[in-house]
């Protein structure tokens, strides 16, 4: 038996380098055949996360860490004496925005859409700095552009909120005219972005 095995190995000797070369391609091909669906999902997940700039970690490698490279603004109770470009002018401009808007601003929240063909359901509404009472607001008009037929949506207070919901496949600009009870009108804008999708995708394991 030992002699037979020796003769077989001797005859196969010229083919051993070729067999060694084929081992990995055959192994990889078998993995792709068995796990082709899972492999496709992993590749798609990596591609989507890279495109959105979110982080994807695989072993020691981490991809898409652009946001973590942003400089951190440390909150502090102390007044900085090192500001350039006229610290008072920056402060005045900021205060003027609060005054012109009367503390009113637009904000939005996105969630995965329940509407076929759309990507996210969006909730756009008014908030008021610090108080958030909206007691001076009579109604607000929202405009989303041509994808909504250039229609103006007039919204009154509902359960303490003044806003509107919609669905969209891509980001867009929302403009809003806030009509106050004293007859004045405040013009606000909000870019409806999908940046929070990075958090949603992370939580859902996408």
C-alpha atoms as a PDB file:
ATOM      1  CA  UNK A   1       0.000   0.000   0.000  1.00  0.00           C
ATOM      2  CA  UNK A   2       2.787   2.401   0.910  1.00  0.00           C
ATOM      3  CA  UNK A   3       4.537   1.688  -2.385  1.00  0.00           C
ATOM      4  CA  UNK A   4       1.309   2.342  -4.280  1.00  0.00           C
ATOM      5  CA  UNK A   5       0.805   5.712  -2.543  1.00  0.00           C
ATOM      6  CA  UNK A   6       4.431   6.612  -3.249  1.00  0.00           C
ATOM      7  CA  UNK A   7       4.020   5.840  -6.957  1.00  0.00           C
ATOM      8  CA  UNK A   8       0.791   7.889  -7.143  1.00  0.00           C
ATOM      9  CA  UNK A   9       2.450  10.883  -5.438  1.00  0.00           C
ATOM     10  CA  UNK A  10       5.422  10.564  -7.744  1.00  0.00           C
ATOM     11  CA  UNK A  11       3.164  10.707 -10.819  1.00  0.00           C
ATOM     12  CA  UNK A  12       1.247  13.691  -9.398  1.00  0.00           C
ATOM     13  CA  UNK A  13       4.411  15.630  -8.486  1.00  0.00           C
ATOM     14  CA  UNK A  14       4.505  17.703 -11.726  1.00  0.00           C
ATOM     15  CA  UNK A  15       0.905  18.787 -11.125  1.00  0.00           C
ATOM     16  CA  UNK A  16       1.274  19.895  -7.475  1.00  0.00           C
ATOM     17  CA  UNK A  17       2.134  23.566  -8.294  1.00  0.00           C
ATOM     18  CA  UNK A  18      -0.922  23.754 -10.545  1.00  0.00           C
ATOM     19  CA  UNK A  19      -3.159  22.275  -7.840  1.00  0.00           C
ATOM     20  CA  UNK A  20      -1.796  24.738  -5.277  1.00  0.00           C
ATOM     21  CA  UNK A  21      -2.552  27.616  -7.650  1.00  0.00           C
ATOM     22  CA  UNK A  22      -6.136  26.440  -8.159  1.00  0.00           C
ATOM     23  CA  UNK A  23      -6.962  25.912  -4.469  1.00  0.00           C
ATOM     24  CA  UNK A  24      -7.870  29.551  -3.668  1.00  0.00           C
ATOM     25  CA  UNK A  25      -9.875  30.282  -6.861  1.00  0.00           C
ATOM     26  CA  UNK A  26     -11.867  27.079  -6.337  1.00  0.00           C
ATOM     27  CA  UNK A  27     -12.438  27.909  -2.660  1.00  0.00           C
ATOM     28  CA  UNK A  28     -13.594  31.469  -3.465  1.00  0.00           C
ATOM     29  CA  UNK A  29     -15.851  30.219  -6.263  1.00  0.00           C
ATOM     30  CA  UNK A  30     -17.479  27.744  -3.881  1.00  0.00           C
ATOM     31  CA  UNK A  31     -18.090  30.500  -1.317  1.00  0.00           C
ATOM     32  CA  UNK A  32     -19.697  32.747  -3.952  1.00  0.00           C
ATOM     33  CA  UNK A  33     -21.942  29.903  -5.117  1.00  0.00           C
ATOM     34  CA  UNK A  34     -23.091  29.042  -1.589  1.00  0.00           C
ATOM     35  CA  UNK A  35     -23.337  32.577  -0.232  1.00  0.00           C
ATOM     36  CA  UNK A  36     -24.001  34.604  -3.400  1.00  0.00           C
ATOM     37  CA  UNK A  37     -27.033  36.407  -1.951  1.00  0.00           C
ATOM     38  CA  UNK A  38     -25.258  37.358   1.259  1.00  0.00           C
ATOM     39  CA  UNK A  39     -22.152  38.450  -0.648  1.00  0.00           C
ATOM     40  CA  UNK A  40     -24.205  40.691  -2.889  1.00  0.00           C
ATOM     41  CA  UNK A  41     -25.860  42.280   0.138  1.00  0.00           C
ATOM     42  CA  UNK A  42     -22.520  42.935   1.824  1.00  0.00           C
ATOM     43  CA  UNK A  43     -21.056  44.556  -1.303  1.00  0.00           C
ATOM     44  CA  UNK A  44     -24.168  46.736  -1.718  1.00  0.00           C
ATOM     45  CA  UNK A  45     -24.071  47.768   1.957  1.00  0.00           C
ATOM     46  CA  UNK A  46     -20.417  48.785   1.665  1.00  0.00           C
ATOM     47  CA  UNK A  47     -21.071  50.759  -1.523  1.00  0.00           C
ATOM     48  CA  UNK A  48     -24.076  52.592  -0.020  1.00  0.00           C
ATOM     49  CA  UNK A  49     -22.246  53.510   3.173  1.00  0.00           C
ATOM     50  CA  UNK A  50     -19.203  54.798   1.316  1.00  0.00           C
ATOM     51  CA  UNK A  51     -21.380  56.941  -0.965  1.00  0.00           C
ATOM     52  CA  UNK A  52     -23.171  58.441   2.030  1.00  0.00           C
ATOM     53  CA  UNK A  53     -19.943  59.065   3.931  1.00  0.00           C
ATOM     54  CA  UNK A  54     -20.994  56.928   6.855  1.00  0.00           C
ATOM     55  CA  UNK A  55     -18.696  54.606   8.705  1.00  0.00           C
ATOM     56  CA  UNK A  56     -18.374  50.946   7.768  1.00  0.00           C
ATOM     57  CA  UNK A  57     -16.153  48.720   9.856  1.00  0.00           C
ATOM     58  CA  UNK A  58     -14.854  45.348   8.738  1.00  0.00           C
ATOM     59  CA  UNK A  59     -12.221  43.873  11.028  1.00  0.00           C
ATOM     60  CA  UNK A  60      -9.415  46.409  11.513  1.00  0.00           C
ATOM     61  CA  UNK A  61     -10.575  48.559   8.560  1.00  0.00           C
ATOM     62  CA  UNK A  62     -12.958  51.513   8.869  1.00  0.00           C
ATOM     63  CA  UNK A  63     -14.266  53.340   5.802  1.00  0.00           C
ATOM     64  CA  UNK A  64     -15.998  56.723   5.490  1.00  0.00           C
ATOM     65  CA  UNK A  65     -14.852  58.531   8.622  1.00  0.00           C
ATOM     66  CA  UNK A  66     -15.121  62.028   7.080  1.00  0.00           C
ATOM     67  CA  UNK A  67     -17.443  63.371   9.780  1.00  0.00           C
ATOM     68  CA  UNK A  68     -15.084  62.332  12.578  1.00  0.00           C
ATOM     69  CA  UNK A  69     -12.369  64.479  10.996  1.00  0.00           C
ATOM     70  CA  UNK A  70     -14.376  67.684  11.569  1.00  0.00           C
ATOM     71  CA  UNK A  71     -12.958  70.019  14.192  1.00  0.00           C
ATOM     72  CA  UNK A  72     -14.814  69.863  17.520  1.00  0.00           C
ATOM     73  CA  UNK A  73     -16.225  73.131  18.910  1.00  0.00           C
ATOM     74  CA  UNK A  74     -15.846  72.848  22.661  1.00  0.00           C
ATOM     75  CA  UNK A  75     -18.839  74.316  24.580  1.00  0.00           C
ATOM     76  CA  UNK A  76     -17.744  76.769  27.272  1.00  0.00           C
ATOM     77  CA  UNK A  77     -19.247  79.330  29.648  1.00  0.00           C
ATOM     78  CA  UNK A  78     -16.268  81.636  29.265  1.00  0.00           C
ATOM     79  CA  UNK A  79     -16.092  84.489  26.742  1.00  0.00           C
ATOM     80  CA  UNK A  80     -13.326  83.943  24.179  1.00  0.00           C
ATOM     81  CA  UNK A  81     -10.908  86.826  23.709  1.00  0.00           C
ATOM     82  CA  UNK A  82      -9.235  85.341  20.639  1.00  0.00           C
ATOM     83  CA  UNK A  83     -12.016  85.718  18.051  1.00  0.00           C
ATOM     84  CA  UNK A  84     -10.973  87.373  14.805  1.00  0.00           C
ATOM     85  CA  UNK A  85     -13.046  89.275  12.245  1.00  0.00           C
ATOM     86  CA  UNK A  86     -14.911  91.488  14.753  1.00  0.00           C
ATOM     87  CA  UNK A  87     -16.470  89.459  17.521  1.00  0.00           C
ATOM     88  CA  UNK A  88     -19.164  92.059  18.158  1.00  0.00           C
ATOM     89  CA  UNK A  89     -20.295  92.082  14.513  1.00  0.00           C
ATOM     90  CA  UNK A  90     -20.747  88.312  14.596  1.00  0.00           C
ATOM     91  CA  UNK A  91     -22.752  88.612  17.804  1.00  0.00           C
ATOM     92  CA  UNK A  92     -24.936  91.414  16.400  1.00  0.00           C
ATOM     93  CA  UNK A  93     -25.651  89.520  13.177  1.00  0.00           C
ATOM     94  CA  UNK A  94     -26.697  86.477  15.171  1.00  0.00           C
ATOM     95  CA  UNK A  95     -28.966  88.487  17.448  1.00  0.00           C
ATOM     96  CA  UNK A  96     -30.544  90.216  14.435  1.00  0.00           C
ATOM     97  CA  UNK A  97     -31.550  86.855  12.991  1.00  0.00           C
ATOM     98  CA  UNK A  98     -33.267  85.955  16.256  1.00  0.00           C
ATOM     99  CA  UNK A  99     -35.072  89.325  16.239  1.00  0.00           C
ATOM    100  CA  UNK A 100     -36.093  89.270  12.549  1.00  0.00           C
ATOM    101  CA  UNK A 101     -37.411  85.712  12.899  1.00  0.00           C
ATOM    102  CA  UNK A 102     -38.902  86.501  16.320  1.00  0.00           C
ATOM    103  CA  UNK A 103     -37.211  83.328  17.478  1.00  0.00           C
ATOM    104  CA  UNK A 104     -39.046  81.196  14.905  1.00  0.00           C
ATOM    105  CA  UNK A 105     -37.239  78.560  12.826  1.00  0.00           C
ATOM    106  CA  UNK A 106     -38.047  75.564  10.654  1.00  0.00           C
ATOM    107  CA  UNK A 107     -36.851  72.076  11.467  1.00  0.00           C
ATOM    108  CA  UNK A 108     -37.486  68.625  10.028  1.00  0.00           C
ATOM    109  CA  UNK A 109     -37.384  64.923  10.841  1.00  0.00           C
ATOM    110  CA  UNK A 110     -37.126  62.020   8.379  1.00  0.00           C
ATOM    111  CA  UNK A 111     -38.168  58.383   8.697  1.00  0.00           C
ATOM    112  CA  UNK A 112     -38.047  55.509   6.167  1.00  0.00           C
ATOM    113  CA  UNK A 113     -40.976  56.031   3.814  1.00  0.00           C
ATOM    114  CA  UNK A 114     -44.145  53.957   3.845  1.00  0.00           C
ATOM    115  CA  UNK A 115     -45.040  55.349   0.421  1.00  0.00           C
ATOM    116  CA  UNK A 116     -44.115  53.239  -2.612  1.00  0.00           C
ATOM    117  CA  UNK A 117     -41.441  54.842  -4.779  1.00  0.00           C
ATOM    118  CA  UNK A 118     -40.355  57.322  -2.094  1.00  0.00           C
ATOM    119  CA  UNK A 119     -37.299  57.108   0.132  1.00  0.00           C
ATOM    120  CA  UNK A 120     -38.243  59.016   3.303  1.00  0.00           C
ATOM    121  CA  UNK A 121     -41.322  60.414   4.990  1.00  0.00           C
ATOM    122  CA  UNK A 122     -40.599  63.969   6.147  1.00  0.00           C
ATOM    123  CA  UNK A 123     -42.116  66.067   8.932  1.00  0.00           C
ATOM    124  CA  UNK A 124     -41.451  69.815   8.639  1.00  0.00           C
ATOM    125  CA  UNK A 125     -42.607  72.134  11.402  1.00  0.00           C
ATOM    126  CA  UNK A 126     -42.016  75.411  13.225  1.00  0.00           C
ATOM    127  CA  UNK A 127     -40.132  75.703  16.478  1.00  0.00           C
ATOM    128  CA  UNK A 128     -39.561  78.784  18.611  1.00  0.00           C
ATOM    129  CA  UNK A 129     -36.235  79.394  20.293  1.00  0.00           C
ATOM    130  CA  UNK A 130     -36.373  78.589  24.030  1.00  0.00           C
ATOM    131  CA  UNK A 131     -40.170  78.925  24.491  1.00  0.00           C
ATOM    132  CA  UNK A 132     -41.558  76.891  21.559  1.00  0.00           C
ATOM    133  CA  UNK A 133     -45.086  78.167  22.278  1.00  0.00           C
ATOM    134  CA  UNK A 134     -45.943  79.472  18.762  1.00  0.00           C
ATOM    135  CA  UNK A 135     -48.603  81.617  20.411  1.00  0.00           C
ATOM    136  CA  UNK A 136     -47.993  84.553  18.032  1.00  0.00           C
ATOM    137  CA  UNK A 137     -48.420  82.477  14.859  1.00  0.00           C
ATOM    138  CA  UNK A 138     -51.742  82.522  13.011  1.00  0.00           C
ATOM    139  CA  UNK A 139     -50.812  80.168  10.149  1.00  0.00           C
ATOM    140  CA  UNK A 140     -47.889  79.200   7.918  1.00  0.00           C
ATOM    141  CA  UNK A 141     -47.566  78.601   4.170  1.00  0.00           C
ATOM    142  CA  UNK A 142     -45.180  75.955   2.858  1.00  0.00           C
ATOM    143  CA  UNK A 143     -43.783  75.698  -0.682  1.00  0.00           C
ATOM    144  CA  UNK A 144     -41.742  72.727  -1.969  1.00  0.00           C
ATOM    145  CA  UNK A 145     -41.388  73.524  -5.675  1.00  0.00           C
ATOM    146  CA  UNK A 146     -42.394  71.920  -8.996  1.00  0.00           C
ATOM    147  CA  UNK A 147     -42.293  68.295  -7.790  1.00  0.00           C
ATOM    148  CA  UNK A 148     -45.345  69.185  -5.686  1.00  0.00           C
ATOM    149  CA  UNK A 149     -47.066  71.005  -8.560  1.00  0.00           C
ATOM    150  CA  UNK A 150     -45.870  74.424  -7.290  1.00  0.00           C
ATOM    151  CA  UNK A 151     -48.659  74.236  -4.745  1.00  0.00           C
ATOM    152  CA  UNK A 152     -48.658  76.393  -1.593  1.00  0.00           C
ATOM    153  CA  UNK A 153     -49.746  74.447   1.510  1.00  0.00           C
ATOM    154  CA  UNK A 154     -51.501  76.587   4.136  1.00  0.00           C
ATOM    155  CA  UNK A 155     -51.289  75.105   7.622  1.00  0.00           C
ATOM    156  CA  UNK A 156     -52.896  76.186  10.904  1.00  0.00           C
ATOM    157  CA  UNK A 157     -51.946  75.108  14.438  1.00  0.00           C
ATOM    158  CA  UNK A 158     -52.798  71.468  15.187  1.00  0.00           C
ATOM    159  CA  UNK A 159     -52.266  70.012  18.658  1.00  0.00           C
ATOM    160  CA  UNK A 160     -49.638  72.642  19.460  1.00  0.00           C
ATOM    161  CA  UNK A 161     -47.767  72.142  16.177  1.00  0.00           C
ATOM    162  CA  UNK A 162     -47.664  74.098  12.926  1.00  0.00           C
ATOM    163  CA  UNK A 163     -46.197  72.062  10.122  1.00  0.00           C
ATOM    164  CA  UNK A 164     -46.703  69.617   7.291  1.00  0.00           C
ATOM    165  CA  UNK A 165     -45.639  66.119   6.291  1.00  0.00           C
ATOM    166  CA  UNK A 166     -44.681  64.757   2.896  1.00  0.00           C
ATOM    167  CA  UNK A 167     -42.601  62.055   1.213  1.00  0.00           C
ATOM    168  CA  UNK A 168     -39.631  62.424  -1.127  1.00  0.00           C
ATOM    169  CA  UNK A 169     -36.998  60.454  -2.986  1.00  0.00           C
ATOM    170  CA  UNK A 170     -34.323  63.175  -2.798  1.00  0.00           C
ATOM    171  CA  UNK A 171     -33.443  66.332  -0.831  1.00  0.00           C
ATOM    172  CA  UNK A 172     -35.173  69.638  -1.613  1.00  0.00           C
ATOM    173  CA  UNK A 173     -35.565  73.232  -0.408  1.00  0.00           C
ATOM    174  CA  UNK A 174     -38.614  74.216   1.632  1.00  0.00           C
ATOM    175  CA  UNK A 175     -39.625  77.880   1.815  1.00  0.00           C
ATOM    176  CA  UNK A 176     -42.157  79.094   4.349  1.00  0.00           C
ATOM    177  CA  UNK A 177     -44.106  82.281   5.059  1.00  0.00           C
ATOM    178  CA  UNK A 178     -45.122  82.514   8.690  1.00  0.00           C
ATOM    179  CA  UNK A 179     -48.136  84.813   9.238  1.00  0.00           C
ATOM    180  CA  UNK A 180     -48.295  86.302  12.726  1.00  0.00           C
ATOM    181  CA  UNK A 181     -51.402  87.528  14.537  1.00  0.00           C
ATOM    182  CA  UNK A 182     -50.168  91.119  14.389  1.00  0.00           C
ATOM    183  CA  UNK A 183     -50.271  91.018  10.568  1.00  0.00           C
ATOM    184  CA  UNK A 184     -46.521  90.687   9.975  1.00  0.00           C
ATOM    185  CA  UNK A 185     -44.956  87.905   7.878  1.00  0.00           C
ATOM    186  CA  UNK A 186     -41.670  86.086   8.504  1.00  0.00           C
ATOM    187  CA  UNK A 187     -39.865  84.290   5.661  1.00  0.00           C
ATOM    188  CA  UNK A 188     -38.049  81.082   6.611  1.00  0.00           C
ATOM    189  CA  UNK A 189     -36.182  78.397   4.672  1.00  0.00           C
ATOM    190  CA  UNK A 190     -35.092  74.841   5.462  1.00  0.00           C
ATOM    191  CA  UNK A 191     -33.028  72.552   3.267  1.00  0.00           C
ATOM    192  CA  UNK A 192     -34.650  69.136   3.601  1.00  0.00           C
ATOM    193  CA  UNK A 193     -31.578  66.922   3.530  1.00  0.00           C
ATOM    194  CA  UNK A 194     -31.258  63.190   4.120  1.00  0.00           C
ATOM    195  CA  UNK A 195     -28.130  63.375   6.300  1.00  0.00           C
ATOM    196  CA  UNK A 196     -29.886  61.739   9.246  1.00  0.00           C
ATOM    197  CA  UNK A 197     -30.256  58.684   7.009  1.00  0.00           C
ATOM    198  CA  UNK A 198     -26.747  57.756   8.178  1.00  0.00           C
ATOM    199  CA  UNK A 199     -28.054  57.327  11.717  1.00  0.00           C
ATOM    200  CA  UNK A 200     -31.170  55.467  10.541  1.00  0.00           C
ATOM    201  CA  UNK A 201     -29.115  53.085   8.418  1.00  0.00           C
ATOM    202  CA  UNK A 202     -26.705  52.426  11.283  1.00  0.00           C
ATOM    203  CA  UNK A 203     -29.555  51.623  13.681  1.00  0.00           C
ATOM    204  CA  UNK A 204     -31.193  49.321  11.150  1.00  0.00           C
ATOM    205  CA  UNK A 205     -27.885  47.612  10.339  1.00  0.00           C
ATOM    206  CA  UNK A 206     -27.835  48.749   6.709  1.00  0.00           C
END
